[in-house]
Amino acid sequence: MNIVWTVLVPLLDKTPDPEDVKPGWLAFVVFLLLAAAVVFLAFSLRKHLGKVNFQEKNGSDGAADKPTQDAG
């Protein structure tokens, strides 16, 4: 069993060199595009929520729940 661990652990422990891992311009552009998408979605959500007609239901008197009826 020890032979398996001595063979497999070095194979699994391959970390990249620090020279190979560095942020580039492409990652920065992708980050900016994601940030712009979040801002766009936030404004769109605000616009759509402004169109919604919220009617509060008052549980104490129930007047908002019942439709009005004419006496005539």
PDB file of N, CA and C in Angstrom:
ATOM      1  N   MET A   1       0.830  -1.198   0.000  1.00  0.00           N
ATOM      2  CA  MET A   1       0.000   0.000   0.000  1.00  0.00           C
ATOM      3  C   MET A   1       0.868   1.252   0.000  1.00  0.00           C
ATOM      4  N   ASN A   2       1.989   1.209   0.679  1.00  0.00           N
ATOM      5  CA  ASN A   2       2.886   2.356   0.717  1.00  0.00           C
ATOM      6  C   ASN A   2       3.471   2.655  -0.651  1.00  0.00           C
ATOM      7  N   ILE A   3       3.618   1.623  -1.463  1.00  0.00           N
ATOM      8  CA  ILE A   3       4.167   1.823  -2.803  1.00  0.00           C
ATOM      9  C   ILE A   3       3.189   2.643  -3.650  1.00  0.00           C
ATOM     10  N   VAL A   4       1.894   2.396  -3.471  1.00  0.00           N
ATOM     11  CA  VAL A   4       0.877   3.139  -4.225  1.00  0.00           C
ATOM     12  C   VAL A   4       0.940   4.618  -3.864  1.00  0.00           C
ATOM     13  N   TRP A   5       1.057   4.918  -2.578  1.00  0.00           N
ATOM     14  CA  TRP A   5       1.113   6.313  -2.151  1.00  0.00           C
ATOM     15  C   TRP A   5       2.391   6.983  -2.615  1.00  0.00           C
ATOM     16  N   THR A   6       3.489   6.281  -2.610  1.00  0.00           N
ATOM     17  CA  THR A   6       4.750   6.890  -3.040  1.00  0.00           C
ATOM     18  C   THR A   6       4.759   7.154  -4.532  1.00  0.00           C
ATOM     19  N   VAL A   7       3.964   6.418  -5.286  1.00  0.00           N
ATOM     20  CA  VAL A   7       3.891   6.637  -6.735  1.00  0.00           C
ATOM     21  C   VAL A   7       2.836   7.682  -7.083  1.00  0.00           C
ATOM     22  N   LEU A   8       1.684   7.630  -6.420  1.00  0.00           N
ATOM     23  CA  LEU A   8       0.567   8.507  -6.801  1.00  0.00           C
ATOM     24  C   LEU A   8       0.696   9.931  -6.270  1.00  0.00           C
ATOM     25  N   VAL A   9       1.217  10.117  -5.092  1.00  0.00           N
ATOM     26  CA  VAL A   9       1.281  11.458  -4.508  1.00  0.00           C
ATOM     27  C   VAL A   9       2.143  12.404  -5.337  1.00  0.00           C
ATOM     28  N   PRO A  10       3.322  12.005  -5.794  1.00  0.00           N
ATOM     29  CA  PRO A  10       4.075  12.932  -6.652  1.00  0.00           C
ATOM     30  C   PRO A  10       3.366  13.249  -7.966  1.00  0.00           C
ATOM     31  N   LEU A  11       2.586  12.323  -8.477  1.00  0.00           N
ATOM     32  CA  LEU A  11       1.851  12.592  -9.716  1.00  0.00           C
ATOM     33  C   LEU A  11       0.718  13.588  -9.486  1.00  0.00           C
ATOM     34  N   LEU A  12       0.073  13.530  -8.335  1.00  0.00           N
ATOM     35  CA  LEU A  12      -1.035  14.427  -8.042  1.00  0.00           C
ATOM     36  C   LEU A  12      -0.571  15.802  -7.576  1.00  0.00           C
ATOM     37  N   ASP A  13       0.639  15.903  -7.101  1.00  0.00           N
ATOM     38  CA  ASP A  13       1.148  17.154  -6.535  1.00  0.00           C
ATOM     39  C   ASP A  13       1.912  17.963  -7.573  1.00  0.00           C
ATOM     40  N   LYS A  14       1.325  18.147  -8.724  1.00  0.00           N
ATOM     41  CA  LYS A  14       1.976  18.951  -9.756  1.00  0.00           C
ATOM     42  C   LYS A  14       1.391  20.358  -9.715  1.00  0.00           C
ATOM     43  N   THR A  15       2.052  21.237  -9.035  1.00  0.00           N
ATOM     44  CA  THR A  15       1.625  22.626  -9.003  1.00  0.00           C
ATOM     45  C   THR A  15       2.344  23.377 -10.112  1.00  0.00           C
ATOM     46  N   PRO A  16       1.672  24.317 -10.725  1.00  0.00           N
ATOM     47  CA  PRO A  16       2.323  25.066 -11.803  1.00  0.00           C
ATOM     48  C   PRO A  16       3.390  26.004 -11.262  1.00  0.00           C
ATOM     49  N   ASP A  17       4.316  26.329 -12.116  1.00  0.00           N
ATOM     50  CA  ASP A  17       5.368  27.272 -11.734  1.00  0.00           C
ATOM     51  C   ASP A  17       4.773  28.662 -11.565  1.00  0.00           C
ATOM     52  N   PRO A  18       5.322  29.462 -10.661  1.00  0.00           N
ATOM     53  CA  PRO A  18       4.806  30.824 -10.490  1.00  0.00           C
ATOM     54  C   PRO A  18       4.931  31.674 -11.751  1.00  0.00           C
ATOM     55  N   GLU A  19       5.863  31.355 -12.619  1.00  0.00           N
ATOM     56  CA  GLU A  19       5.997  32.115 -13.868  1.00  0.00           C
ATOM     57  C   GLU A  19       4.866  31.809 -14.845  1.00  0.00           C
ATOM     58  N   ASP A  20       4.267  30.611 -14.701  1.00  0.00           N
ATOM     59  CA  ASP A  20       3.188  30.216 -15.608  1.00  0.00           C
ATOM     60  C   ASP A  20       1.842  30.798 -15.200  1.00  0.00           C
ATOM     61  N   VAL A  21       1.690  31.122 -13.939  1.00  0.00           N
ATOM     62  CA  VAL A  21       0.409  31.613 -13.439  1.00  0.00           C
ATOM     63  C   VAL A  21       0.532  33.098 -13.159  1.00  0.00           C
ATOM     64  N   LYS A  22      -0.062  33.889 -14.022  1.00  0.00           N
ATOM     65  CA  LYS A  22      -0.072  35.326 -13.811  1.00  0.00           C
ATOM     66  C   LYS A  22      -1.319  35.911 -14.478  1.00  0.00           C
ATOM     67  N   PRO A  23      -1.859  36.944 -13.893  1.00  0.00           N
ATOM     68  CA  PRO A  23      -3.046  37.547 -14.493  1.00  0.00           C
ATOM     69  C   PRO A  23      -2.678  38.251 -15.793  1.00  0.00           C
ATOM     70  N   GLY A  24      -3.540  38.135 -16.734  1.00  0.00           N
ATOM     71  CA  GLY A  24      -3.289  38.769 -18.026  1.00  0.00           C
ATOM     72  C   GLY A  24      -4.379  39.752 -18.365  1.00  0.00           C
ATOM     73  N   TRP A  25      -4.220  40.363 -19.521  1.00  0.00           N
ATOM     74  CA  TRP A  25      -5.197  41.342 -19.969  1.00  0.00           C
ATOM     75  C   TRP A  25      -6.535  40.692 -20.284  1.00  0.00           C
ATOM     76  N   LEU A  26      -6.490  39.467 -20.759  1.00  0.00           N
ATOM     77  CA  LEU A  26      -7.740  38.780 -21.081  1.00  0.00           C
ATOM     78  C   LEU A  26      -8.581  38.568 -19.823  1.00  0.00           C
ATOM     79  N   ALA A  27      -7.956  38.171 -18.732  1.00  0.00           N
ATOM     80  CA  ALA A  27      -8.687  37.985 -17.484  1.00  0.00           C
ATOM     81  C   ALA A  27      -9.250  39.306 -16.978  1.00  0.00           C
ATOM     82  N   PHE A  28      -8.492  40.382 -17.149  1.00  0.00           N
ATOM     83  CA  PHE A  28      -8.967  41.698 -16.727  1.00  0.00           C
ATOM     84  C   PHE A  28     -10.176  42.136 -17.545  1.00  0.00           C
ATOM     85  N   VAL A  29     -10.140  41.884 -18.840  1.00  0.00           N
ATOM     86  CA  VAL A  29     -11.258  42.250 -19.713  1.00  0.00           C
ATOM     87  C   VAL A  29     -12.494  41.416 -19.359  1.00  0.00           C
ATOM     88  N   VAL A  30     -12.301  40.131 -19.098  1.00  0.00           N
ATOM     89  CA  VAL A  30     -13.428  39.279 -18.716  1.00  0.00           C
ATOM     90  C   VAL A  30     -14.028  39.760 -17.397  1.00  0.00           C
ATOM     91  N   PHE A  31     -13.181  40.142 -16.455  1.00  0.00           N
ATOM     92  CA  PHE A  31     -13.670  40.677 -15.175  1.00  0.00           C
ATOM     93  C   PHE A  31     -14.476  41.949 -15.396  1.00  0.00           C
ATOM     94  N   LEU A  32     -13.993  42.847 -16.249  1.00  0.00           N
ATOM     95  CA  LEU A  32     -14.729  44.081 -16.524  1.00  0.00           C
ATOM     96  C   LEU A  32     -16.063  43.799 -17.215  1.00  0.00           C
ATOM     97  N   LEU A  33     -16.089  42.829 -18.121  1.00  0.00           N
ATOM     98  CA  LEU A  33     -17.339  42.472 -18.784  1.00  0.00           C
ATOM     99  C   LEU A  33     -18.342  41.879 -17.799  1.00  0.00           C
ATOM    100  N   LEU A  34     -17.856  41.064 -16.880  1.00  0.00           N
ATOM    101  CA  LEU A  34     -18.757  40.518 -15.863  1.00  0.00           C
ATOM    102  C   LEU A  34     -19.298  41.621 -14.955  1.00  0.00           C
ATOM    103  N   ALA A  35     -18.473  42.566 -14.587  1.00  0.00           N
ATOM    104  CA  ALA A  35     -18.920  43.679 -13.757  1.00  0.00           C
ATOM    105  C   ALA A  35     -19.955  44.518 -14.503  1.00  0.00           C
ATOM    106  N   ALA A  36     -19.731  44.767 -15.787  1.00  0.00           N
ATOM    107  CA  ALA A  36     -20.687  45.525 -16.593  1.00  0.00           C
ATOM    108  C   ALA A  36     -22.009  44.769 -16.714  1.00  0.00           C
ATOM    109  N   ALA A  37     -21.948  43.457 -16.852  1.00  0.00           N
ATOM    110  CA  ALA A  37     -23.172  42.659 -16.941  1.00  0.00           C
ATOM    111  C   ALA A  37     -23.964  42.728 -15.642  1.00  0.00           C
ATOM    112  N   VAL A  38     -23.281  42.712 -14.509  1.00  0.00           N
ATOM    113  CA  VAL A  38     -23.966  42.804 -13.221  1.00  0.00           C
ATOM    114  C   VAL A  38     -24.644  44.161 -13.078  1.00  0.00           C
ATOM    115  N   VAL A  39     -23.975  45.235 -13.484  1.00  0.00           N
ATOM    116  CA  VAL A  39     -24.566  46.571 -13.407  1.00  0.00           C
ATOM    117  C   VAL A  39     -25.778  46.663 -14.329  1.00  0.00           C
ATOM    118  N   PHE A  40     -25.647  46.132 -15.539  1.00  0.00           N
ATOM    119  CA  PHE A  40     -26.770  46.144 -16.477  1.00  0.00           C
ATOM    120  C   PHE A  40     -27.963  45.379 -15.918  1.00  0.00           C
ATOM    121  N   LEU A  41     -27.718  44.203 -15.336  1.00  0.00           N
ATOM    122  CA  LEU A  41     -28.808  43.415 -14.774  1.00  0.00           C
ATOM    123  C   LEU A  41     -29.437  44.113 -13.567  1.00  0.00           C
ATOM    124  N   ALA A  42     -28.651  44.819 -12.787  1.00  0.00           N
ATOM    125  CA  ALA A  42     -29.198  45.541 -11.635  1.00  0.00           C
ATOM    126  C   ALA A  42     -30.135  46.657 -12.099  1.00  0.00           C
ATOM    127  N   PHE A  43     -29.724  47.406 -13.120  1.00  0.00           N
ATOM    128  CA  PHE A  43     -30.599  48.462 -13.638  1.00  0.00           C
ATOM    129  C   PHE A  43     -31.855  47.879 -14.281  1.00  0.00           C
ATOM    130  N   SER A  44     -31.709  46.769 -14.968  1.00  0.00           N
ATOM    131  CA  SER A  44     -32.865  46.124 -15.587  1.00  0.00           C
ATOM    132  C   SER A  44     -33.833  45.621 -14.527  1.00  0.00           C
ATOM    133  N   LEU A  45     -33.303  45.034 -13.459  1.00  0.00           N
ATOM    134  CA  LEU A  45     -34.166  44.566 -12.373  1.00  0.00           C
ATOM    135  C   LEU A  45     -34.900  45.730 -11.728  1.00  0.00           C
ATOM    136  N   ARG A  46     -34.200  46.839 -11.524  1.00  0.00           N
ATOM    137  CA  ARG A  46     -34.837  48.008 -10.913  1.00  0.00           C
ATOM    138  C   ARG A  46     -35.956  48.537 -11.812  1.00  0.00           C
ATOM    139  N   LYS A  47     -35.714  48.552 -13.111  1.00  0.00           N
ATOM    140  CA  LYS A  47     -36.716  49.031 -14.056  1.00  0.00           C
ATOM    141  C   LYS A  47     -37.946  48.120 -14.057  1.00  0.00           C
ATOM    142  N   HIS A  48     -37.726  46.811 -14.051  1.00  0.00           N
ATOM    143  CA  HIS A  48     -38.849  45.890 -14.082  1.00  0.00           C
ATOM    144  C   HIS A  48     -39.609  45.869 -12.762  1.00  0.00           C
ATOM    145  N   LEU A  49     -38.911  46.021 -11.652  1.00  0.00           N
ATOM    146  CA  LEU A  49     -39.612  46.078 -10.377  1.00  0.00           C
ATOM    147  C   LEU A  49     -40.422  47.358 -10.244  1.00  0.00           C
ATOM    148  N   GLY A  50     -40.021  48.411 -10.939  1.00  0.00           N
ATOM    149  CA  GLY A  50     -40.792  49.644 -10.926  1.00  0.00           C
ATOM    150  C   GLY A  50     -42.123  49.503 -11.639  1.00  0.00           C
ATOM    151  N   LYS A  51     -42.226  48.556 -12.557  1.00  0.00           N
ATOM    152  CA  LYS A  51     -43.462  48.331 -13.303  1.00  0.00           C
ATOM    153  C   LYS A  51     -44.477  47.500 -12.522  1.00  0.00           C
ATOM    154  N   VAL A  52     -44.033  46.810 -11.491  1.00  0.00           N
ATOM    155  CA  VAL A  52     -44.916  45.913 -10.743  1.00  0.00           C
ATOM    156  C   VAL A  52     -45.814  46.735  -9.831  1.00  0.00           C
ATOM    157  N   ASN A  53     -47.084  46.377  -9.822  1.00  0.00           N
ATOM    158  CA  ASN A  53     -48.058  47.057  -8.978  1.00  0.00           C
ATOM    159  C   ASN A  53     -48.255  46.220  -7.724  1.00  0.00           C
ATOM    160  N   PHE A  54     -47.650  46.644  -6.633  1.00  0.00           N
ATOM    161  CA  PHE A  54     -47.778  45.934  -5.369  1.00  0.00           C
ATOM    162  C   PHE A  54     -49.016  46.441  -4.648  1.00  0.00           C
ATOM    163  N   GLN A  55     -49.884  45.516  -4.277  1.00  0.00           N
ATOM    164  CA  GLN A  55     -51.055  45.873  -3.491  1.00  0.00           C
ATOM    165  C   GLN A  55     -50.908  45.223  -2.127  1.00  0.00           C
ATOM    166  N   GLU A  56     -50.885  46.064  -1.110  1.00  0.00           N
ATOM    167  CA  GLU A  56     -50.738  45.540   0.242  1.00  0.00           C
ATOM    168  C   GLU A  56     -52.077  45.000   0.711  1.00  0.00           C
ATOM    169  N   LYS A  57     -52.030  43.840   1.327  1.00  0.00           N
ATOM    170  CA  LYS A  57     -53.233  43.249   1.895  1.00  0.00           C
ATOM    171  C   LYS A  57     -53.180  43.457   3.393  1.00  0.00           C
ATOM    172  N   ASN A  58     -54.218  44.119   3.898  1.00  0.00           N
ATOM    173  CA  ASN A  58     -54.269  44.439   5.313  1.00  0.00           C
ATOM    174  C   ASN A  58     -55.127  43.379   6.005  1.00  0.00           C
ATOM    175  N   GLY A  59     -54.553  42.638   6.912  1.00  0.00           N
ATOM    176  CA  GLY A  59     -55.275  41.560   7.563  1.00  0.00           C
ATOM    177  C   GLY A  59     -56.220  42.021   8.648  1.00  0.00           C
ATOM    178  N   SER A  60     -56.129  43.262   9.112  1.00  0.00           N
ATOM    179  CA  SER A  60     -56.948  43.704  10.243  1.00  0.00           C
ATOM    180  C   SER A  60     -58.397  43.951   9.846  1.00  0.00           C
ATOM    181  N   ASP A  61     -58.622  44.672   8.730  1.00  0.00           N
ATOM    182  CA  ASP A  61     -60.015  44.977   8.373  1.00  0.00           C
ATOM    183  C   ASP A  61     -60.480  44.195   7.143  1.00  0.00           C
ATOM    184  N   GLY A  62     -59.602  43.719   6.335  1.00  0.00           N
ATOM    185  CA  GLY A  62     -59.988  42.943   5.173  1.00  0.00           C
ATOM    186  C   GLY A  62     -60.618  43.748   4.065  1.00  0.00           C
ATOM    187  N   ALA A  63     -60.586  45.069   4.133  1.00  0.00           N
ATOM    188  CA  ALA A  63     -61.212  45.911   3.118  1.00  0.00           C
ATOM    189  C   ALA A  63     -60.481  45.797   1.790  1.00  0.00           C
ATOM    190  N   ALA A  64     -59.188  45.575   1.811  1.00  0.00           N
ATOM    191  CA  ALA A  64     -58.441  45.494   0.562  1.00  0.00           C
ATOM    192  C   ALA A  64     -58.692  44.181  -0.149  1.00  0.00           C
ATOM    193  N   ASP A  65     -59.157  43.166   0.588  1.00  0.00           N
ATOM    194  CA  ASP A  65     -59.375  41.850  -0.007  1.00  0.00           C
ATOM    195  C   ASP A  65     -60.730  41.759  -0.712  1.00  0.00           C
ATOM    196  N   LYS A  66     -61.730  42.480  -0.212  1.00  0.00           N
ATOM    197  CA  LYS A  66     -63.087  42.363  -0.745  1.00  0.00           C
ATOM    198  C   LYS A  66     -63.335  43.387  -1.835  1.00  0.00           C
ATOM    199  N   PRO A  67     -63.914  42.951  -2.942  1.00  0.00           N
ATOM    200  CA  PRO A  67     -64.270  43.925  -3.993  1.00  0.00           C
ATOM    201  C   PRO A  67     -65.470  44.760  -3.547  1.00  0.00           C
ATOM    202  N   THR A  68     -65.523  45.991  -4.038  1.00  0.00           N
ATOM    203  CA  THR A  68     -66.641  46.876  -3.690  1.00  0.00           C
ATOM    204  C   THR A  68     -67.847  46.531  -4.558  1.00  0.00           C
ATOM    205  N   GLN A  69     -69.038  46.599  -3.951  1.00  0.00           N
ATOM    206  CA  GLN A  69     -70.277  46.293  -4.676  1.00  0.00           C
ATOM    207  C   GLN A  69     -71.188  47.516  -4.634  1.00  0.00           C
ATOM    208  N   ASP A  70     -71.863  47.748  -5.736  1.00  0.00           N
ATOM    209  CA  ASP A  70     -72.804  48.862  -5.798  1.00  0.00           C
ATOM    210  C   ASP A  70     -74.145  48.442  -5.172  1.00  0.00           C
ATOM    211  N   ALA A  71     -74.794  49.387  -4.479  1.00  0.00           N
ATOM    212  CA  ALA A  71     -76.070  49.099  -3.831  1.00  0.00           C
ATOM    213  C   ALA A  71     -77.244  49.206  -4.802  1.00  0.00           C
ATOM    214  N   GLY A  72     -77.023  49.704  -5.989  1.00  0.00           N
ATOM    215  CA  GLY A  72     -78.131  49.960  -6.877  1.00  0.00           C
ATOM    216  C   GLY A  72     -78.257  49.065  -7.998  1.00  0.00           C
TER     217      GLY A  72
END
